[in-house]
Structures are given as structure tokens and as C-alpha cells.
Amino acid sequence: MTQTRAIALAAVAAFIIAFVTAPAGSSATPTCGPIAQIKDPGLRASFARFEAQQSAAASKACAFYRNAGF
């Protein structure tokens, strides 16, 4: 019984490591947030300015959430 638990624990740990370290399309979505088609040029420019002014910490958090699939 103990050996079965050890094997199950090792399998779960391996799955978690593989899931966390695998890239999830971060190169496919260069911007943060949901993909939406914005038709208003003023609004689109506003979002572009916002992304250009993001801090390094915000960019890292954005990349984390984009890769995690949240």
C-alpha cells in the first residue's frame, strides 16, 4: 500500500512539474488580456499607450497569467 502511494505521489508531482513548466502559447498572444477585435481607433490607441507604459512587474504578472491560462 505504501509503495502505491509513493508511486501515485511521484506521478502527481511529475504531472504538476510538466504542467507548470510547459509554455502555454505566450508567443501566440503578444499582448496582455483577452483577445478582442477593437474597432474604435481611439480606444485601440488608448490600450496601446497603456501597454507601452506598463512596468516590468506588471509585464511579468501579465505573462504569468497568460501562460497559466487564467
PDB file of N, CA and C in Angstrom:
ATOM      1  N   MET A   1       0.823  -1.191   0.000  1.00  0.00           N
ATOM      2  CA  MET A   1       0.000   0.000   0.000  1.00  0.00           C
ATOM      3  C   MET A   1       0.868   1.256   0.000  1.00  0.00           C
ATOM      4  N   THR A   2       1.939   1.240   0.778  1.00  0.00           N
ATOM      5  CA  THR A   2       2.811   2.406   0.849  1.00  0.00           C
ATOM      6  C   THR A   2       3.507   2.652  -0.487  1.00  0.00           C
ATOM      7  N   GLN A   3       3.886   1.572  -1.164  1.00  0.00           N
ATOM      8  CA  GLN A   3       4.555   1.722  -2.451  1.00  0.00           C
ATOM      9  C   GLN A   3       3.592   2.320  -3.481  1.00  0.00           C
ATOM     10  N   THR A   4       2.346   1.953  -3.435  1.00  0.00           N
ATOM     11  CA  THR A   4       1.349   2.506  -4.356  1.00  0.00           C
ATOM     12  C   THR A   4       1.172   4.003  -4.116  1.00  0.00           C
ATOM     13  N   ARG A   5       1.137   4.392  -2.861  1.00  0.00           N
ATOM     14  CA  ARG A   5       1.022   5.825  -2.550  1.00  0.00           C
ATOM     15  C   ARG A   5       2.243   6.591  -3.029  1.00  0.00           C
ATOM     16  N   ALA A   6       3.421   6.027  -2.857  1.00  0.00           N
ATOM     17  CA  ALA A   6       4.651   6.688  -3.291  1.00  0.00           C
ATOM     18  C   ALA A   6       4.665   6.856  -4.810  1.00  0.00           C
ATOM     19  N   ILE A   7       4.233   5.837  -5.531  1.00  0.00           N
ATOM     20  CA  ILE A   7       4.181   5.924  -6.992  1.00  0.00           C
ATOM     21  C   ILE A   7       3.150   6.960  -7.427  1.00  0.00           C
ATOM     22  N   ALA A   8       1.997   6.972  -6.774  1.00  0.00           N
ATOM     23  CA  ALA A   8       0.960   7.951  -7.110  1.00  0.00           C
ATOM     24  C   ALA A   8       1.443   9.367  -6.823  1.00  0.00           C
ATOM     25  N   LEU A   9       2.107   9.558  -5.699  1.00  0.00           N
ATOM     26  CA  LEU A   9       2.630  10.882  -5.359  1.00  0.00           C
ATOM     27  C   LEU A   9       3.679  11.327  -6.369  1.00  0.00           C
ATOM     28  N   ALA A  10       4.562  10.431  -6.773  1.00  0.00           N
ATOM     29  CA  ALA A  10       5.580  10.766  -7.772  1.00  0.00           C
ATOM     30  C   ALA A  10       4.942  11.106  -9.116  1.00  0.00           C
ATOM     31  N   ALA A  11       3.900  10.378  -9.478  1.00  0.00           N
ATOM     32  CA  ALA A  11       3.220  10.660 -10.751  1.00  0.00           C
ATOM     33  C   ALA A  11       2.531  12.021 -10.723  1.00  0.00           C
ATOM     34  N   VAL A  12       1.893  12.333  -9.612  1.00  0.00           N
ATOM     35  CA  VAL A  12       1.241  13.633  -9.486  1.00  0.00           C
ATOM     36  C   VAL A  12       2.274  14.757  -9.513  1.00  0.00           C
ATOM     37  N   ALA A  13       3.386  14.566  -8.808  1.00  0.00           N
ATOM     38  CA  ALA A  13       4.438  15.583  -8.800  1.00  0.00           C
ATOM     39  C   ALA A  13       5.011  15.788 -10.201  1.00  0.00           C
ATOM     40  N   ALA A  14       5.239  14.707 -10.934  1.00  0.00           N
ATOM     41  CA  ALA A  14       5.754  14.826 -12.304  1.00  0.00           C
ATOM     42  C   ALA A  14       4.758  15.552 -13.200  1.00  0.00           C
ATOM     43  N   PHE A  15       3.479  15.254 -13.044  1.00  0.00           N
ATOM     44  CA  PHE A  15       2.450  15.924 -13.835  1.00  0.00           C
ATOM     45  C   PHE A  15       2.418  17.413 -13.540  1.00  0.00           C
ATOM     46  N   ILE A  16       2.497  17.781 -12.283  1.00  0.00           N
ATOM     47  CA  ILE A  16       2.464  19.193 -11.895  1.00  0.00           C
ATOM     48  C   ILE A  16       3.670  19.924 -12.458  1.00  0.00           C
ATOM     49  N   ILE A  17       4.842  19.326 -12.353  1.00  0.00           N
ATOM     50  CA  ILE A  17       6.051  19.969 -12.886  1.00  0.00           C
ATOM     51  C   ILE A  17       5.932  20.135 -14.396  1.00  0.00           C
ATOM     52  N   ALA A  18       5.462  19.122 -15.090  1.00  0.00           N
ATOM     53  CA  ALA A  18       5.311  19.220 -16.546  1.00  0.00           C
ATOM     54  C   ALA A  18       4.278  20.277 -16.920  1.00  0.00           C
ATOM     55  N   PHE A  19       3.205  20.381 -16.163  1.00  0.00           N
ATOM     56  CA  PHE A  19       2.148  21.341 -16.458  1.00  0.00           C
ATOM     57  C   PHE A  19       2.615  22.769 -16.215  1.00  0.00           C
ATOM     58  N   VAL A  20       3.325  23.005 -15.125  1.00  0.00           N
ATOM     59  CA  VAL A  20       3.739  24.356 -14.762  1.00  0.00           C
ATOM     60  C   VAL A  20       4.839  24.870 -15.678  1.00  0.00           C
ATOM     61  N   THR A  21       5.762  24.019 -16.068  1.00  0.00           N
ATOM     62  CA  THR A  21       6.908  24.490 -16.849  1.00  0.00           C
ATOM     63  C   THR A  21       6.634  24.564 -18.345  1.00  0.00           C
ATOM     64  N   ALA A  22       5.567  23.969 -18.830  1.00  0.00           N
ATOM     65  CA  ALA A  22       5.284  23.983 -20.259  1.00  0.00           C
ATOM     66  C   ALA A  22       4.759  25.350 -20.686  1.00  0.00           C
ATOM     67  N   PRO A  23       5.265  25.890 -21.799  1.00  0.00           N
ATOM     68  CA  PRO A  23       4.738  27.159 -22.289  1.00  0.00           C
ATOM     69  C   PRO A  23       3.318  26.970 -22.804  1.00  0.00           C
ATOM     70  N   ALA A  24       2.506  27.985 -22.594  1.00  0.00           N
ATOM     71  CA  ALA A  24       1.104  27.873 -22.986  1.00  0.00           C
ATOM     72  C   ALA A  24       0.732  28.912 -24.031  1.00  0.00           C
ATOM     73  N   GLY A  25       1.553  29.060 -25.033  1.00  0.00           N
ATOM     74  CA  GLY A  25       1.218  29.965 -26.116  1.00  0.00           C
ATOM     75  C   GLY A  25       1.528  31.423 -25.837  1.00  0.00           C
ATOM     76  N   SER A  26       2.543  31.701 -25.031  1.00  0.00           N
ATOM     77  CA  SER A  26       2.848  33.090 -24.725  1.00  0.00           C
ATOM     78  C   SER A  26       3.310  33.851 -25.965  1.00  0.00           C
ATOM     79  N   SER A  27       3.917  33.159 -26.919  1.00  0.00           N
ATOM     80  CA  SER A  27       4.333  33.839 -28.138  1.00  0.00           C
ATOM     81  C   SER A  27       3.161  34.056 -29.084  1.00  0.00           C
ATOM     82  N   ALA A  28       2.079  33.316 -28.872  1.00  0.00           N
ATOM     83  CA  ALA A  28       0.920  33.452 -29.743  1.00  0.00           C
ATOM     84  C   ALA A  28       0.109  34.702 -29.418  1.00  0.00           C
ATOM     85  N   THR A  29       0.163  35.157 -28.167  1.00  0.00           N
ATOM     86  CA  THR A  29      -0.577  36.348 -27.765  1.00  0.00           C
ATOM     87  C   THR A  29       0.397  37.382 -27.223  1.00  0.00           C
ATOM     88  N   PRO A  30       0.856  38.313 -28.062  1.00  0.00           N
ATOM     89  CA  PRO A  30       1.876  39.253 -27.630  1.00  0.00           C
ATOM     90  C   PRO A  30       1.387  40.300 -26.634  1.00  0.00           C
ATOM     91  N   THR A  31       0.089  40.489 -26.511  1.00  0.00           N
ATOM     92  CA  THR A  31      -0.419  41.488 -25.592  1.00  0.00           C
ATOM     93  C   THR A  31      -1.098  40.815 -24.411  1.00  0.00           C
ATOM     94  N   CYS A  32      -1.280  41.550 -23.347  1.00  0.00           N
ATOM     95  CA  CYS A  32      -1.902  41.013 -22.149  1.00  0.00           C
ATOM     96  C   CYS A  32      -3.416  41.157 -22.245  1.00  0.00           C
ATOM     97  N   GLY A  33      -4.113  40.234 -21.629  1.00  0.00           N
ATOM     98  CA  GLY A  33      -5.564  40.328 -21.596  1.00  0.00           C
ATOM     99  C   GLY A  33      -6.215  39.505 -22.672  1.00  0.00           C
ATOM    100  N   PRO A  34      -7.530  39.535 -22.691  1.00  0.00           N
ATOM    101  CA  PRO A  34      -8.253  38.728 -23.671  1.00  0.00           C
ATOM    102  C   PRO A  34      -8.070  39.260 -25.091  1.00  0.00           C
ATOM    103  N   ILE A  35      -8.157  38.365 -26.037  1.00  0.00           N
ATOM    104  CA  ILE A  35      -8.043  38.764 -27.439  1.00  0.00           C
ATOM    105  C   ILE A  35      -9.409  39.245 -27.903  1.00  0.00           C
ATOM    106  N   ALA A  36      -9.471  40.476 -28.336  1.00  0.00           N
ATOM    107  CA  ALA A  36     -10.733  41.051 -28.807  1.00  0.00           C
ATOM    108  C   ALA A  36     -10.432  41.973 -29.982  1.00  0.00           C
ATOM    109  N   GLN A  37     -11.355  42.044 -30.887  1.00  0.00           N
ATOM    110  CA  GLN A  37     -11.218  42.946 -32.017  1.00  0.00           C
ATOM    111  C   GLN A  37     -11.823  44.291 -31.639  1.00  0.00           C
ATOM    112  N   ILE A  38     -10.972  45.291 -31.446  1.00  0.00           N
ATOM    113  CA  ILE A  38     -11.434  46.638 -31.096  1.00  0.00           C
ATOM    114  C   ILE A  38     -11.520  47.444 -32.385  1.00  0.00           C
ATOM    115  N   LYS A  39     -12.703  47.908 -32.684  1.00  0.00           N
ATOM    116  CA  LYS A  39     -12.913  48.630 -33.939  1.00  0.00           C
ATOM    117  C   LYS A  39     -12.685  50.135 -33.801  1.00  0.00           C
ATOM    118  N   ASP A  40     -12.809  50.661 -32.600  1.00  0.00           N
ATOM    119  CA  ASP A  40     -12.640  52.100 -32.376  1.00  0.00           C
ATOM    120  C   ASP A  40     -11.149  52.439 -32.347  1.00  0.00           C
ATOM    121  N   PRO A  41     -10.657  53.266 -33.293  1.00  0.00           N
ATOM    122  CA  PRO A  41      -9.230  53.569 -33.333  1.00  0.00           C
ATOM    123  C   PRO A  41      -8.743  54.326 -32.094  1.00  0.00           C
ATOM    124  N   GLY A  42      -9.576  55.180 -31.529  1.00  0.00           N
ATOM    125  CA  GLY A  42      -9.179  55.910 -30.328  1.00  0.00           C
ATOM    126  C   GLY A  42      -9.008  54.981 -29.136  1.00  0.00           C
ATOM    127  N   LEU A  43      -9.916  54.051 -28.987  1.00  0.00           N
ATOM    128  CA  LEU A  43      -9.829  53.079 -27.896  1.00  0.00           C
ATOM    129  C   LEU A  43      -8.635  52.161 -28.090  1.00  0.00           C
ATOM    130  N   ARG A  44      -8.403  51.753 -29.321  1.00  0.00           N
ATOM    131  CA  ARG A  44      -7.252  50.895 -29.630  1.00  0.00           C
ATOM    132  C   ARG A  44      -5.950  51.629 -29.290  1.00  0.00           C
ATOM    133  N   ALA A  45      -5.857  52.910 -29.630  1.00  0.00           N
ATOM    134  CA  ALA A  45      -4.666  53.699 -29.315  1.00  0.00           C
ATOM    135  C   ALA A  45      -4.499  53.857 -27.809  1.00  0.00           C
ATOM    136  N   SER A  46      -5.613  53.991 -27.101  1.00  0.00           N
ATOM    137  CA  SER A  46      -5.565  54.105 -25.646  1.00  0.00           C
ATOM    138  C   SER A  46      -4.987  52.840 -25.016  1.00  0.00           C
ATOM    139  N   PHE A  47      -5.423  51.673 -25.487  1.00  0.00           N
ATOM    140  CA  PHE A  47      -4.878  50.418 -24.981  1.00  0.00           C
ATOM    141  C   PHE A  47      -3.399  50.272 -25.332  1.00  0.00           C
ATOM    142  N   ALA A  48      -3.018  50.707 -26.517  1.00  0.00           N
ATOM    143  CA  ALA A  48      -1.614  50.622 -26.921  1.00  0.00           C
ATOM    144  C   ALA A  48      -0.747  51.499 -26.021  1.00  0.00           C
ATOM    145  N   ARG A  49      -1.229  52.709 -25.687  1.00  0.00           N
ATOM    146  CA  ARG A  49      -0.475  53.591 -24.777  1.00  0.00           C
ATOM    147  C   ARG A  49      -0.372  52.959 -23.397  1.00  0.00           C
ATOM    148  N   PHE A  50      -1.457  52.366 -22.932  1.00  0.00           N
ATOM    149  CA  PHE A  50      -1.455  51.728 -21.619  1.00  0.00           C
ATOM    150  C   PHE A  50      -0.423  50.605 -21.563  1.00  0.00           C
ATOM    151  N   GLU A  51      -0.392  49.758 -22.587  1.00  0.00           N
ATOM    152  CA  GLU A  51       0.565  48.648 -22.592  1.00  0.00           C
ATOM    153  C   GLU A  51       1.997  49.147 -22.686  1.00  0.00           C
ATOM    154  N   ALA A  52       2.221  50.241 -23.395  1.00  0.00           N
ATOM    155  CA  ALA A  52       3.573  50.780 -23.515  1.00  0.00           C
ATOM    156  C   ALA A  52       4.061  51.333 -22.185  1.00  0.00           C
ATOM    157  N   GLN A  53       3.151  51.756 -21.309  1.00  0.00           N
ATOM    158  CA  GLN A  53       3.538  52.363 -20.036  1.00  0.00           C
ATOM    159  C   GLN A  53       3.559  51.364 -18.886  1.00  0.00           C
ATOM    160  N   GLN A  54       3.294  50.090 -19.140  1.00  0.00           N
ATOM    161  CA  GLN A  54       3.290  49.101 -18.067  1.00  0.00           C
ATOM    162  C   GLN A  54       4.685  48.938 -17.479  1.00  0.00           C
ATOM    163  N   SER A  55       4.731  48.710 -16.173  1.00  0.00           N
ATOM    164  CA  SER A  55       6.004  48.472 -15.511  1.00  0.00           C
ATOM    165  C   SER A  55       6.491  47.064 -15.821  1.00  0.00           C
ATOM    166  N   ALA A  56       7.750  46.803 -15.485  1.00  0.00           N
ATOM    167  CA  ALA A  56       8.317  45.470 -15.697  1.00  0.00           C
ATOM    168  C   ALA A  56       7.582  44.442 -14.844  1.00  0.00           C
ATOM    169  N   ALA A  57       7.214  44.816 -13.626  1.00  0.00           N
ATOM    170  CA  ALA A  57       6.490  43.891 -12.746  1.00  0.00           C
ATOM    171  C   ALA A  57       5.115  43.556 -13.319  1.00  0.00           C
ATOM    172  N   ALA A  58       4.444  44.559 -13.878  1.00  0.00           N
ATOM    173  CA  ALA A  58       3.128  44.311 -14.478  1.00  0.00           C
ATOM    174  C   ALA A  58       3.265  43.413 -15.706  1.00  0.00           C
ATOM    175  N   SER A  59       4.312  43.603 -16.477  1.00  0.00           N
ATOM    176  CA  SER A  59       4.533  42.757 -17.648  1.00  0.00           C
ATOM    177  C   SER A  59       4.784  41.308 -17.241  1.00  0.00           C
ATOM    178  N   LYS A  60       5.548  41.118 -16.151  1.00  0.00           N
ATOM    179  CA  LYS A  60       5.803  39.760 -15.662  1.00  0.00           C
ATOM    180  C   LYS A  60       4.518  39.115 -15.167  1.00  0.00           C
ATOM    181  N   ALA A  61       3.707  39.870 -14.437  1.00  0.00           N
ATOM    182  CA  ALA A  61       2.433  39.336 -13.934  1.00  0.00           C
ATOM    183  C   ALA A  61       1.519  38.992 -15.098  1.00  0.00           C
ATOM    184  N   CYS A  62       1.502  39.829 -16.102  1.00  0.00           N
ATOM    185  CA  CYS A  62       0.677  39.580 -17.278  1.00  0.00           C
ATOM    186  C   CYS A  62       1.125  38.295 -17.979  1.00  0.00           C
ATOM    187  N   ALA A  63       2.428  38.145 -18.152  1.00  0.00           N
ATOM    188  CA  ALA A  63       2.949  36.939 -18.801  1.00  0.00           C
ATOM    189  C   ALA A  63       2.632  35.698 -17.978  1.00  0.00           C
ATOM    190  N   PHE A  64       2.701  35.807 -16.660  1.00  0.00           N
ATOM    191  CA  PHE A  64       2.376  34.673 -15.795  1.00  0.00           C
ATOM    192  C   PHE A  64       0.932  34.241 -15.991  1.00  0.00           C
ATOM    193  N   TYR A  65       0.008  35.187 -15.946  1.00  0.00           N
ATOM    194  CA  TYR A  65      -1.404  34.851 -16.093  1.00  0.00           C
ATOM    195  C   TYR A  65      -1.734  34.368 -17.502  1.00  0.00           C
ATOM    196  N   ARG A  66      -1.061  34.931 -18.492  1.00  0.00           N
ATOM    197  CA  ARG A  66      -1.289  34.490 -19.876  1.00  0.00           C
ATOM    198  C   ARG A  66      -0.825  33.040 -20.030  1.00  0.00           C
ATOM    199  N   ASN A  67       0.319  32.693 -19.456  1.00  0.00           N
ATOM    200  CA  ASN A  67       0.834  31.323 -19.558  1.00  0.00           C
ATOM    201  C   ASN A  67       0.041  30.359 -18.709  1.00  0.00           C
ATOM    202  N   ALA A  68      -0.521  30.834 -17.599  1.00  0.00           N
ATOM    203  CA  ALA A  68      -1.283  29.954 -16.718  1.00  0.00           C
ATOM    204  C   ALA A  68      -2.679  29.691 -17.266  1.00  0.00           C
ATOM    205  N   GLY A  69      -3.125  30.490 -18.188  1.00  0.00           N
ATOM    206  CA  GLY A  69      -4.444  30.280 -18.789  1.00  0.00           C
ATOM    207  C   GLY A  69      -5.585  30.877 -18.001  1.00  0.00           C
ATOM    208  N   PHE A  70      -5.307  31.837 -17.150  1.00  0.00           N
ATOM    209  CA  PHE A  70      -6.376  32.490 -16.372  1.00  0.00           C
ATOM    210  C   PHE A  70      -7.088  33.509 -17.201  1.00  0.00           C
TER     211      PHE A  70
END
